[in-house]
Amino acid sequence: MFWRILKKDLKRKRTMNIILLMFIILCSMFASASVNNIAAVTGGIEHYFDISDMPDLTVSMETDSDEDEIVKNIPGIREIKMQNPFYIYSSKFFRLHEKNLTTS
């Protein structure tokens, strides 16, 4: 019964079925392109991390502590990079063209 209805519908409304088929093809093309992009980006993230020498772990410690010597002596660590952070707590330190900048 459903096959008869489908056969009659396909014979009667050809333009509507062609338009519907074109939309289905277009949607499947967009879906396959997006899956391809997701796969490319996922594989590219690992490559980007390798090229940029991004650290596997970031640890923040106080500057004068004994823990930094303990961390340096851990056998699995190949390299340690130490940075001194720069903090600004007030806007009175901002200057532009010899004028102080304020938030007010």
PDB file of N, CA and C in Angstrom:
ATOM      1  N   MET A   1       0.823  -1.189   0.000  1.00  0.00           N
ATOM      2  CA  MET A   1       0.000   0.000   0.000  1.00  0.00           C
ATOM      3  C   MET A   1       0.876   1.267   0.000  1.00  0.00           C
ATOM      4  N   PHE A   2       1.905   1.277   0.864  1.00  0.00           N
ATOM      5  CA  PHE A   2       2.771   2.457   0.914  1.00  0.00           C
ATOM      6  C   PHE A   2       3.552   2.628  -0.386  1.00  0.00           C
ATOM      7  N   TRP A   3       3.922   1.502  -1.021  1.00  0.00           N
ATOM      8  CA  TRP A   3       4.648   1.588  -2.280  1.00  0.00           C
ATOM      9  C   TRP A   3       3.782   2.181  -3.380  1.00  0.00           C
ATOM     10  N   ARG A   4       2.469   1.832  -3.377  1.00  0.00           N
ATOM     11  CA  ARG A   4       1.566   2.415  -4.375  1.00  0.00           C
ATOM     12  C   ARG A   4       1.425   3.921  -4.179  1.00  0.00           C
ATOM     13  N   ILE A   5       1.304   4.337  -2.933  1.00  0.00           N
ATOM     14  CA  ILE A   5       1.178   5.771  -2.639  1.00  0.00           C
ATOM     15  C   ILE A   5       2.455   6.498  -3.055  1.00  0.00           C
ATOM     16  N   LEU A   6       3.597   5.910  -2.731  1.00  0.00           N
ATOM     17  CA  LEU A   6       4.876   6.515  -3.090  1.00  0.00           C
ATOM     18  C   LEU A   6       5.059   6.589  -4.603  1.00  0.00           C
ATOM     19  N   LYS A   7       4.666   5.551  -5.321  1.00  0.00           N
ATOM     20  CA  LYS A   7       4.798   5.517  -6.781  1.00  0.00           C
ATOM     21  C   LYS A   7       3.909   6.582  -7.432  1.00  0.00           C
ATOM     22  N   LYS A   8       2.673   6.708  -6.954  1.00  0.00           N
ATOM     23  CA  LYS A   8       1.780   7.735  -7.504  1.00  0.00           C
ATOM     24  C   LYS A   8       2.293   9.131  -7.187  1.00  0.00           C
ATOM     25  N   ASP A   9       2.812   9.302  -5.982  1.00  0.00           N
ATOM     26  CA  ASP A   9       3.326  10.607  -5.590  1.00  0.00           C
ATOM     27  C   ASP A   9       4.541  10.996  -6.433  1.00  0.00           C
ATOM     28  N   LEU A  10       5.417  10.033  -6.709  1.00  0.00           N
ATOM     29  CA  LEU A  10       6.594  10.316  -7.528  1.00  0.00           C
ATOM     30  C   LEU A  10       6.216  10.647  -8.968  1.00  0.00           C
ATOM     31  N   LYS A  11       5.153  10.034  -9.475  1.00  0.00           N
ATOM     32  CA  LYS A  11       4.730  10.318 -10.851  1.00  0.00           C
ATOM     33  C   LYS A  11       4.057  11.679 -10.956  1.00  0.00           C
ATOM     34  N   ARG A  12       3.274  12.048  -9.958  1.00  0.00           N
ATOM     35  CA  ARG A  12       2.508  13.282 -10.035  1.00  0.00           C
ATOM     36  C   ARG A  12       3.333  14.539  -9.767  1.00  0.00           C
ATOM     37  N   LYS A  13       4.164  14.515  -8.723  1.00  0.00           N
ATOM     38  CA  LYS A  13       4.853  15.741  -8.291  1.00  0.00           C
ATOM     39  C   LYS A  13       6.348  15.623  -8.558  1.00  0.00           C
ATOM     40  N   ARG A  14       6.718  15.627  -9.817  1.00  0.00           N
ATOM     41  CA  ARG A  14       8.126  15.435 -10.174  1.00  0.00           C
ATOM     42  C   ARG A  14       8.998  16.622  -9.791  1.00  0.00           C
ATOM     43  N   THR A  15       8.547  17.835 -10.033  1.00  0.00           N
ATOM     44  CA  THR A  15       9.380  19.006  -9.724  1.00  0.00           C
ATOM     45  C   THR A  15       9.627  19.119  -8.222  1.00  0.00           C
ATOM     46  N   MET A  16       8.604  18.852  -7.428  1.00  0.00           N
ATOM     47  CA  MET A  16       8.765  18.916  -5.986  1.00  0.00           C
ATOM     48  C   MET A  16       9.748  17.845  -5.506  1.00  0.00           C
ATOM     49  N   ASN A  17       9.695  16.666  -6.087  1.00  0.00           N
ATOM     50  CA  ASN A  17      10.608  15.596  -5.711  1.00  0.00           C
ATOM     51  C   ASN A  17      12.039  15.895  -6.143  1.00  0.00           C
ATOM     52  N   ILE A  18      12.210  16.521  -7.291  1.00  0.00           N
ATOM     53  CA  ILE A  18      13.549  16.899  -7.748  1.00  0.00           C
ATOM     54  C   ILE A  18      14.146  17.959  -6.828  1.00  0.00           C
ATOM     55  N   ILE A  19      13.343  18.935  -6.432  1.00  0.00           N
ATOM     56  CA  ILE A  19      13.811  19.980  -5.510  1.00  0.00           C
ATOM     57  C   ILE A  19      14.174  19.364  -4.165  1.00  0.00           C
ATOM     58  N   LEU A  20      13.346  18.450  -3.692  1.00  0.00           N
ATOM     59  CA  LEU A  20      13.624  17.776  -2.426  1.00  0.00           C
ATOM     60  C   LEU A  20      14.911  16.947  -2.510  1.00  0.00           C
ATOM     61  N   LEU A  21      15.118  16.277  -3.614  1.00  0.00           N
ATOM     62  CA  LEU A  21      16.336  15.502  -3.816  1.00  0.00           C
ATOM     63  C   LEU A  21      17.563  16.404  -3.839  1.00  0.00           C
ATOM     64  N   MET A  22      17.434  17.559  -4.481  1.00  0.00           N
ATOM     65  CA  MET A  22      18.560  18.500  -4.513  1.00  0.00           C
ATOM     66  C   MET A  22      18.897  18.996  -3.114  1.00  0.00           C
ATOM     67  N   PHE A  23      17.888  19.288  -2.292  1.00  0.00           N
ATOM     68  CA  PHE A  23      18.145  19.715  -0.915  1.00  0.00           C
ATOM     69  C   PHE A  23      18.782  18.602  -0.096  1.00  0.00           C
ATOM     70  N   ILE A  24      18.377  17.382  -0.298  1.00  0.00           N
ATOM     71  CA  ILE A  24      18.975  16.256   0.423  1.00  0.00           C
ATOM     72  C   ILE A  24      20.439  16.089   0.027  1.00  0.00           C
ATOM     73  N   ILE A  25      20.746  16.207  -1.252  1.00  0.00           N
ATOM     74  CA  ILE A  25      22.137  16.113  -1.711  1.00  0.00           C
ATOM     75  C   ILE A  25      22.969  17.250  -1.142  1.00  0.00           C
ATOM     76  N   LEU A  26      22.416  18.450  -1.128  1.00  0.00           N
ATOM     77  CA  LEU A  26      23.127  19.604  -0.596  1.00  0.00           C
ATOM     78  C   LEU A  26      23.405  19.440   0.898  1.00  0.00           C
ATOM     79  N   CYS A  27      22.413  18.953   1.644  1.00  0.00           N
ATOM     80  CA  CYS A  27      22.603  18.744   3.082  1.00  0.00           C
ATOM     81  C   CYS A  27      23.653  17.672   3.355  1.00  0.00           C
ATOM     82  N   SER A  28      23.655  16.618   2.562  1.00  0.00           N
ATOM     83  CA  SER A  28      24.658  15.573   2.780  1.00  0.00           C
ATOM     84  C   SER A  28      26.058  16.079   2.433  1.00  0.00           C
ATOM     85  N   MET A  29      26.176  16.955   1.443  1.00  0.00           N
ATOM     86  CA  MET A  29      27.475  17.540   1.116  1.00  0.00           C
ATOM     87  C   MET A  29      27.974  18.421   2.255  1.00  0.00           C
ATOM     88  N   PHE A  30      27.085  19.247   2.827  1.00  0.00           N
ATOM     89  CA  PHE A  30      27.476  20.098   3.951  1.00  0.00           C
ATOM     90  C   PHE A  30      27.872  19.263   5.162  1.00  0.00           C
ATOM     91  N   ALA A  31      27.142  18.191   5.428  1.00  0.00           N
ATOM     92  CA  ALA A  31      27.462  17.331   6.573  1.00  0.00           C
ATOM     93  C   ALA A  31      28.821  16.667   6.380  1.00  0.00           C
ATOM     94  N   SER A  32      29.100  16.170   5.192  1.00  0.00           N
ATOM     95  CA  SER A  32      30.390  15.520   4.962  1.00  0.00           C
ATOM     96  C   SER A  32      31.534  16.534   5.012  1.00  0.00           C
ATOM     97  N   ALA A  33      31.314  17.744   4.523  1.00  0.00           N
ATOM     98  CA  ALA A  33      32.356  18.772   4.588  1.00  0.00           C
ATOM     99  C   ALA A  33      32.645  19.166   6.034  1.00  0.00           C
ATOM    100  N   SER A  34      31.618  19.272   6.863  1.00  0.00           N
ATOM    101  CA  SER A  34      31.842  19.645   8.258  1.00  0.00           C
ATOM    102  C   SER A  34      32.549  18.529   9.023  1.00  0.00           C
ATOM    103  N   VAL A  35      32.225  17.279   8.727  1.00  0.00           N
ATOM    104  CA  VAL A  35      32.940  16.171   9.371  1.00  0.00           C
ATOM    105  C   VAL A  35      34.399  16.169   8.939  1.00  0.00           C
ATOM    106  N   ASN A  36      34.655  16.466   7.687  1.00  0.00           N
ATOM    107  CA  ASN A  36      36.035  16.548   7.200  1.00  0.00           C
ATOM    108  C   ASN A  36      36.788  17.676   7.905  1.00  0.00           C
ATOM    109  N   ASN A  37      36.151  18.833   8.090  1.00  0.00           N
ATOM    110  CA  ASN A  37      36.799  19.952   8.785  1.00  0.00           C
ATOM    111  C   ASN A  37      37.080  19.613  10.238  1.00  0.00           C
ATOM    112  N   ILE A  38      36.151  18.948  10.896  1.00  0.00           N
ATOM    113  CA  ILE A  38      36.362  18.566  12.293  1.00  0.00           C
ATOM    114  C   ILE A  38      37.549  17.612  12.406  1.00  0.00           C
ATOM    115  N   ALA A  39      37.646  16.656  11.491  1.00  0.00           N
ATOM    116  CA  ALA A  39      38.767  15.713  11.515  1.00  0.00           C
ATOM    117  C   ALA A  39      40.090  16.433  11.257  1.00  0.00           C
ATOM    118  N   ALA A  40      40.099  17.399  10.353  1.00  0.00           N
ATOM    119  CA  ALA A  40      41.330  18.139  10.053  1.00  0.00           C
ATOM    120  C   ALA A  40      41.764  18.999  11.237  1.00  0.00           C
ATOM    121  N   VAL A  41      40.822  19.658  11.889  1.00  0.00           N
ATOM    122  CA  VAL A  41      41.159  20.508  13.027  1.00  0.00           C
ATOM    123  C   VAL A  41      41.636  19.665  14.203  1.00  0.00           C
ATOM    124  N   THR A  42      40.992  18.541  14.438  1.00  0.00           N
ATOM    125  CA  THR A  42      41.393  17.687  15.549  1.00  0.00           C
ATOM    126  C   THR A  42      42.807  17.160  15.349  1.00  0.00           C
ATOM    127  N   GLY A  43      43.150  16.776  14.147  1.00  0.00           N
ATOM    128  CA  GLY A  43      44.512  16.328  13.872  1.00  0.00           C
ATOM    129  C   GLY A  43      45.511  17.456  13.884  1.00  0.00           C
ATOM    130  N   GLY A  44      45.072  18.655  13.534  1.00  0.00           N
ATOM    131  CA  GLY A  44      45.974  19.799  13.488  1.00  0.00           C
ATOM    132  C   GLY A  44      46.336  20.343  14.852  1.00  0.00           C
ATOM    133  N   ILE A  45      45.492  20.121  15.851  1.00  0.00           N
ATOM    134  CA  ILE A  45      45.780  20.636  17.193  1.00  0.00           C
ATOM    135  C   ILE A  45      47.015  19.956  17.761  1.00  0.00           C
ATOM    136  N   GLU A  46      47.111  18.651  17.597  1.00  0.00           N
ATOM    137  CA  GLU A  46      48.288  17.915  18.085  1.00  0.00           C
ATOM    138  C   GLU A  46      49.555  18.402  17.382  1.00  0.00           C
ATOM    139  N   HIS A  47      49.476  18.622  16.089  1.00  0.00           N
ATOM    140  CA  HIS A  47      50.623  19.119  15.321  1.00  0.00           C
ATOM    141  C   HIS A  47      51.012  20.521  15.775  1.00  0.00           C
ATOM    142  N   TYR A  48      50.037  21.372  16.038  1.00  0.00           N
ATOM    143  CA  TYR A  48      50.297  22.737  16.505  1.00  0.00           C
ATOM    144  C   TYR A  48      50.985  22.728  17.862  1.00  0.00           C
ATOM    145  N   PHE A  49      50.549  21.862  18.782  1.00  0.00           N
ATOM    146  CA  PHE A  49      51.181  21.789  20.097  1.00  0.00           C
ATOM    147  C   PHE A  49      52.628  21.336  19.979  1.00  0.00           C
ATOM    148  N   ASP A  50      52.917  20.421  19.060  1.00  0.00           N
ATOM    149  CA  ASP A  50      54.290  19.959  18.882  1.00  0.00           C
ATOM    150  C   ASP A  50      55.179  21.063  18.314  1.00  0.00           C
ATOM    151  N   ILE A  51      54.673  21.811  17.354  1.00  0.00           N
ATOM    152  CA  ILE A  51      55.469  22.865  16.729  1.00  0.00           C
ATOM    153  C   ILE A  51      55.714  24.030  17.694  1.00  0.00           C
ATOM    154  N   SER A  52      54.715  24.396  18.473  1.00  0.00           N
ATOM    155  CA  SER A  52      54.827  25.578  19.324  1.00  0.00           C
ATOM    156  C   SER A  52      55.569  25.324  20.634  1.00  0.00           C
ATOM    157  N   ASP A  53      56.000  24.085  20.877  1.00  0.00           N
ATOM    158  CA  ASP A  53      56.681  23.722  22.127  1.00  0.00           C
ATOM    159  C   ASP A  53      55.870  24.123  23.349  1.00  0.00           C
ATOM    160  N   MET A  54      54.598  23.858  23.285  1.00  0.00           N
ATOM    161  CA  MET A  54      53.706  24.172  24.389  1.00  0.00           C
ATOM    162  C   MET A  54      53.995  23.234  25.554  1.00  0.00           C
ATOM    163  N   PRO A  55      54.029  23.768  26.779  1.00  0.00           N
ATOM    164  CA  PRO A  55      54.349  22.895  27.913  1.00  0.00           C
ATOM    165  C   PRO A  55      53.201  21.932  28.224  1.00  0.00           C
ATOM    166  N   ASP A  56      53.589  20.781  28.758  1.00  0.00           N
ATOM    167  CA  ASP A  56      52.585  19.810  29.165  1.00  0.00           C
ATOM    168  C   ASP A  56      51.922  20.205  30.468  1.00  0.00           C
ATOM    169  N   LEU A  57      52.611  20.976  31.285  1.00  0.00           N
ATOM    170  CA  LEU A  57      52.115  21.331  32.607  1.00  0.00           C
ATOM    171  C   LEU A  57      52.627  22.714  32.971  1.00  0.00           C
ATOM    172  N   THR A  58      51.794  23.493  33.608  1.00  0.00           N
ATOM    173  CA  THR A  58      52.183  24.804  34.088  1.00  0.00           C
ATOM    174  C   THR A  58      51.941  24.846  35.591  1.00  0.00           C
ATOM    175  N   VAL A  59      52.967  25.227  36.338  1.00  0.00           N
ATOM    176  CA  VAL A  59      52.874  25.287  37.794  1.00  0.00           C
ATOM    177  C   VAL A  59      53.222  26.697  38.230  1.00  0.00           C
ATOM    178  N   SER A  60      52.418  27.255  39.115  1.00  0.00           N
ATOM    179  CA  SER A  60      52.690  28.575  39.679  1.00  0.00           C
ATOM    180  C   SER A  60      53.100  28.410  41.134  1.00  0.00           C
ATOM    181  N   MET A  61      54.248  29.018  41.508  1.00  0.00           N
ATOM    182  CA  MET A  61      54.772  28.941  42.874  1.00  0.00           C
ATOM    183  C   MET A  61      55.241  30.311  43.315  1.00  0.00           C
ATOM    184  N   GLU A  62      55.448  30.434  44.604  1.00  0.00           N
ATOM    185  CA  GLU A  62      56.059  31.648  45.118  1.00  0.00           C
ATOM    186  C   GLU A  62      57.516  31.685  44.671  1.00  0.00           C
ATOM    187  N   THR A  63      58.084  32.875  44.600  1.00  0.00           N
ATOM    188  CA  THR A  63      59.418  33.006  44.025  1.00  0.00           C
ATOM    189  C   THR A  63      60.505  32.376  44.887  1.00  0.00           C
ATOM    190  N   ASP A  64      60.553  32.646  46.149  1.00  0.00           N
ATOM    191  CA  ASP A  64      61.620  32.125  47.006  1.00  0.00           C
ATOM    192  C   ASP A  64      61.087  30.971  47.851  1.00  0.00           C
ATOM    193  N   SER A  65      60.974  29.822  47.241  1.00  0.00           N
ATOM    194  CA  SER A  65      60.502  28.655  47.986  1.00  0.00           C
ATOM    195  C   SER A  65      61.429  27.477  47.698  1.00  0.00           C
ATOM    196  N   ASP A  66      61.388  26.493  48.548  1.00  0.00           N
ATOM    197  CA  ASP A  66      62.229  25.308  48.385  1.00  0.00           C
ATOM    198  C   ASP A  66      61.638  24.322  47.399  1.00  0.00           C
ATOM    199  N   GLU A  67      60.380  24.494  47.025  1.00  0.00           N
ATOM    200  CA  GLU A  67      59.734  23.550  46.127  1.00  0.00           C
ATOM    201  C   GLU A  67      60.317  23.590  44.713  1.00  0.00           C
ATOM    202  N   ASP A  68      60.876  24.717  44.303  1.00  0.00           N
ATOM    203  CA  ASP A  68      61.415  24.780  42.943  1.00  0.00           C
ATOM    204  C   ASP A  68      62.634  23.867  42.783  1.00  0.00           C
ATOM    205  N   GLU A  69      63.422  23.675  43.837  1.00  0.00           N
ATOM    206  CA  GLU A  69      64.538  22.729  43.767  1.00  0.00           C
ATOM    207  C   GLU A  69      64.028  21.286  43.718  1.00  0.00           C
ATOM    208  N   ILE A  70      62.932  21.024  44.416  1.00  0.00           N
ATOM    209  CA  ILE A  70      62.351  19.679  44.398  1.00  0.00           C
ATOM    210  C   ILE A  70      61.815  19.373  43.003  1.00  0.00           C
ATOM    211  N   VAL A  71      61.172  20.350  42.377  1.00  0.00           N
ATOM    212  CA  VAL A  71      60.621  20.154  41.039  1.00  0.00           C
ATOM    213  C   VAL A  71      61.738  19.943  40.021  1.00  0.00           C
ATOM    214  N   LYS A  72      62.840  20.642  40.163  1.00  0.00           N
ATOM    215  CA  LYS A  72      63.959  20.481  39.226  1.00  0.00           C
ATOM    216  C   LYS A  72      64.571  19.078  39.285  1.00  0.00           C
ATOM    217  N   ASN A  73      64.478  18.427  40.438  1.00  0.00           N
ATOM    218  CA  ASN A  73      65.113  17.120  40.620  1.00  0.00           C
ATOM    219  C   ASN A  73      64.192  15.942  40.300  1.00  0.00           C
ATOM    220  N   ILE A  74      62.979  16.179  39.848  1.00  0.00           N
ATOM    221  CA  ILE A  74      62.081  15.083  39.468  1.00  0.00           C
ATOM    222  C   ILE A  74      62.624  14.457  38.183  1.00  0.00           C
ATOM    223  N   PRO A  75      62.746  13.110  38.128  1.00  0.00           N
ATOM    224  CA  PRO A  75      63.413  12.485  36.971  1.00  0.00           C
ATOM    225  C   PRO A  75      62.665  12.612  35.643  1.00  0.00           C
ATOM    226  N   GLY A  76      61.370  12.776  35.639  1.00  0.00           N
ATOM    227  CA  GLY A  76      60.630  12.844  34.380  1.00  0.00           C
ATOM    228  C   GLY A  76      60.647  14.208  33.717  1.00  0.00           C
ATOM    229  N   ILE A  77      61.188  15.202  34.373  1.00  0.00           N
ATOM    230  CA  ILE A  77      61.177  16.566  33.845  1.00  0.00           C
ATOM    231  C   ILE A  77      62.427  16.795  33.012  1.00  0.00           C
ATOM    232  N   ARG A  78      62.227  17.227  31.757  1.00  0.00           N
ATOM    233  CA  ARG A  78      63.349  17.505  30.866  1.00  0.00           C
ATOM    234  C   ARG A  78      63.756  18.970  30.895  1.00  0.00           C
ATOM    235  N   GLU A  79      62.780  19.857  31.037  1.00  0.00           N
ATOM    236  CA  GLU A  79      63.089  21.282  30.916  1.00  0.00           C
ATOM    237  C   GLU A  79      62.171  22.081  31.830  1.00  0.00           C
ATOM    238  N   ILE A  80      62.713  23.117  32.424  1.00  0.00           N
ATOM    239  CA  ILE A  80      61.935  24.019  33.269  1.00  0.00           C
ATOM    240  C   ILE A  80      62.164  25.438  32.767  1.00  0.00           C
ATOM    241  N   LYS A  81      61.093  26.166  32.598  1.00  0.00           N
ATOM    242  CA  LYS A  81      61.178  27.566  32.192  1.00  0.00           C
ATOM    243  C   LYS A  81      60.562  28.410  33.300  1.00  0.00           C
ATOM    244  N   MET A  82      61.329  29.319  33.836  1.00  0.00           N
ATOM    245  CA  MET A  82      60.842  30.173  34.914  1.00  0.00           C
ATOM    246  C   MET A  82      60.626  31.575  34.381  1.00  0.00           C
ATOM    247  N   GLN A  83      59.500  32.154  34.762  1.00  0.00           N
ATOM    248  CA  GLN A  83      59.181  33.517  34.357  1.00  0.00           C
ATOM    249  C   GLN A  83      58.779  34.312  35.587  1.00  0.00           C
ATOM    250  N   ASN A  84      59.149  35.568  35.588  1.00  0.00           N
ATOM    251  CA  ASN A  84      58.718  36.460  36.651  1.00  0.00           C
ATOM    252  C   ASN A  84      57.469  37.193  36.167  1.00  0.00           C
ATOM    253  N   PRO A  85      56.361  37.020  36.855  1.00  0.00           N
ATOM    254  CA  PRO A  85      55.131  37.681  36.411  1.00  0.00           C
ATOM    255  C   PRO A  85      55.168  39.178  36.680  1.00  0.00           C
ATOM    256  N   PHE A  86      54.383  39.892  35.924  1.00  0.00           N
ATOM    257  CA  PHE A  86      54.287  41.343  36.058  1.00  0.00           C
ATOM    258  C   PHE A  86      52.836  41.671  36.390  1.00  0.00           C
ATOM    259  N   TYR A  87      52.612  42.220  37.557  1.00  0.00           N
ATOM    260  CA  TYR A  87      51.253  42.517  38.005  1.00  0.00           C
ATOM    261  C   TYR A  87      51.064  44.021  38.090  1.00  0.00           C
ATOM    262  N   ILE A  88      49.887  44.481  37.683  1.00  0.00           N
ATOM    263  CA  ILE A  88      49.503  45.881  37.830  1.00  0.00           C
ATOM    264  C   ILE A  88      48.206  45.902  38.611  1.00  0.00           C
ATOM    265  N   TYR A  89      48.243  46.565  39.767  1.00  0.00           N
ATOM    266  CA  TYR A  89      47.073  46.572  40.633  1.00  0.00           C
ATOM    267  C   TYR A  89      46.279  47.870  40.576  1.00  0.00           C
ATOM    268  N   SER A  90      46.815  48.879  39.961  1.00  0.00           N
ATOM    269  CA  SER A  90      46.128  50.160  39.930  1.00  0.00           C
ATOM    270  C   SER A  90      46.344  50.809  38.568  1.00  0.00           C
ATOM    271  N   SER A  91      45.387  51.626  38.168  1.00  0.00           N
ATOM    272  CA  SER A  91      45.505  52.286  36.875  1.00  0.00           C
ATOM    273  C   SER A  91      46.426  53.495  36.912  1.00  0.00           C
ATOM    274  N   LYS A  92      46.926  53.875  38.082  1.00  0.00           N
ATOM    275  CA  LYS A  92      47.804  55.053  38.151  1.00  0.00           C
ATOM    276  C   LYS A  92      49.167  54.778  37.512  1.00  0.00           C
ATOM    277  N   PHE A  93      49.467  53.512  37.218  1.00  0.00           N
ATOM    278  CA  PHE A  93      50.739  53.172  36.592  1.00  0.00           C
ATOM    279  C   PHE A  93      50.682  53.256  35.062  1.00  0.00           C
ATOM    280  N   PHE A  94      49.530  53.421  34.480  1.00  0.00           N
ATOM    281  CA  PHE A  94      49.403  53.490  33.031  1.00  0.00           C
ATOM    282  C   PHE A  94      49.672  54.915  32.567  1.00  0.00           C
ATOM    283  N   ARG A  95      50.562  55.025  31.538  1.00  0.00           N
ATOM    284  CA  ARG A  95      50.881  56.347  30.992  1.00  0.00           C
ATOM    285  C   ARG A  95      50.820  56.269  29.480  1.00  0.00           C
ATOM    286  N   LEU A  96      50.301  57.349  28.872  1.00  0.00           N
ATOM    287  CA  LEU A  96      50.255  57.462  27.425  1.00  0.00           C
ATOM    288  C   LEU A  96      50.596  58.892  27.067  1.00  0.00           C
ATOM    289  N   HIS A  97      51.655  59.101  26.288  1.00  0.00           N
ATOM    290  CA  HIS A  97      52.130  60.428  25.883  1.00  0.00           C
ATOM    291  C   HIS A  97      52.356  61.317  27.105  1.00  0.00           C
ATOM    292  N   GLU A  98      53.040  60.743  28.069  1.00  0.00           N
ATOM    293  CA  GLU A  98      53.413  61.452  29.306  1.00  0.00           C
ATOM    294  C   GLU A  98      52.215  61.900  30.128  1.00  0.00           C
ATOM    295  N   LYS A  99      51.046  61.296  29.920  1.00  0.00           N
ATOM    296  CA  LYS A  99      49.870  61.615  30.739  1.00  0.00           C
ATOM    297  C   LYS A  99      49.425  60.338  31.446  1.00  0.00           C
ATOM    298  N   ASN A 100      49.031  60.502  32.699  1.00  0.00           N
ATOM    299  CA  ASN A 100      48.530  59.370  33.462  1.00  0.00           C
ATOM    300  C   ASN A 100      47.126  59.013  32.972  1.00  0.00           C
ATOM    301  N   LEU A 101      46.868  57.739  32.848  1.00  0.00           N
ATOM    302  CA  LEU A 101      45.542  57.276  32.461  1.00  0.00           C
ATOM    303  C   LEU A 101      44.810  56.778  33.688  1.00  0.00           C
ATOM    304  N   THR A 102      43.557  57.147  33.790  1.00  0.00           N
ATOM    305  CA  THR A 102      42.741  56.697  34.923  1.00  0.00           C
ATOM    306  C   THR A 102      41.487  56.020  34.399  1.00  0.00           C
ATOM    307  N   THR A 103      40.838  55.302  35.263  1.00  0.00           N
ATOM    308  CA  THR A 103      39.617  54.594  34.862  1.00  0.00           C
ATOM    309  C   THR A 103      38.390  55.472  34.980  1.00  0.00           C
ATOM    310  N   SER A 104      38.489  56.613  35.591  1.00  0.00           N
ATOM    311  CA  SER A 104      37.309  57.481  35.751  1.00  0.00           C
ATOM    312  C   SER A 104      37.169  58.465  34.632  1.00  0.00           C
TER     313      SER A 104
END
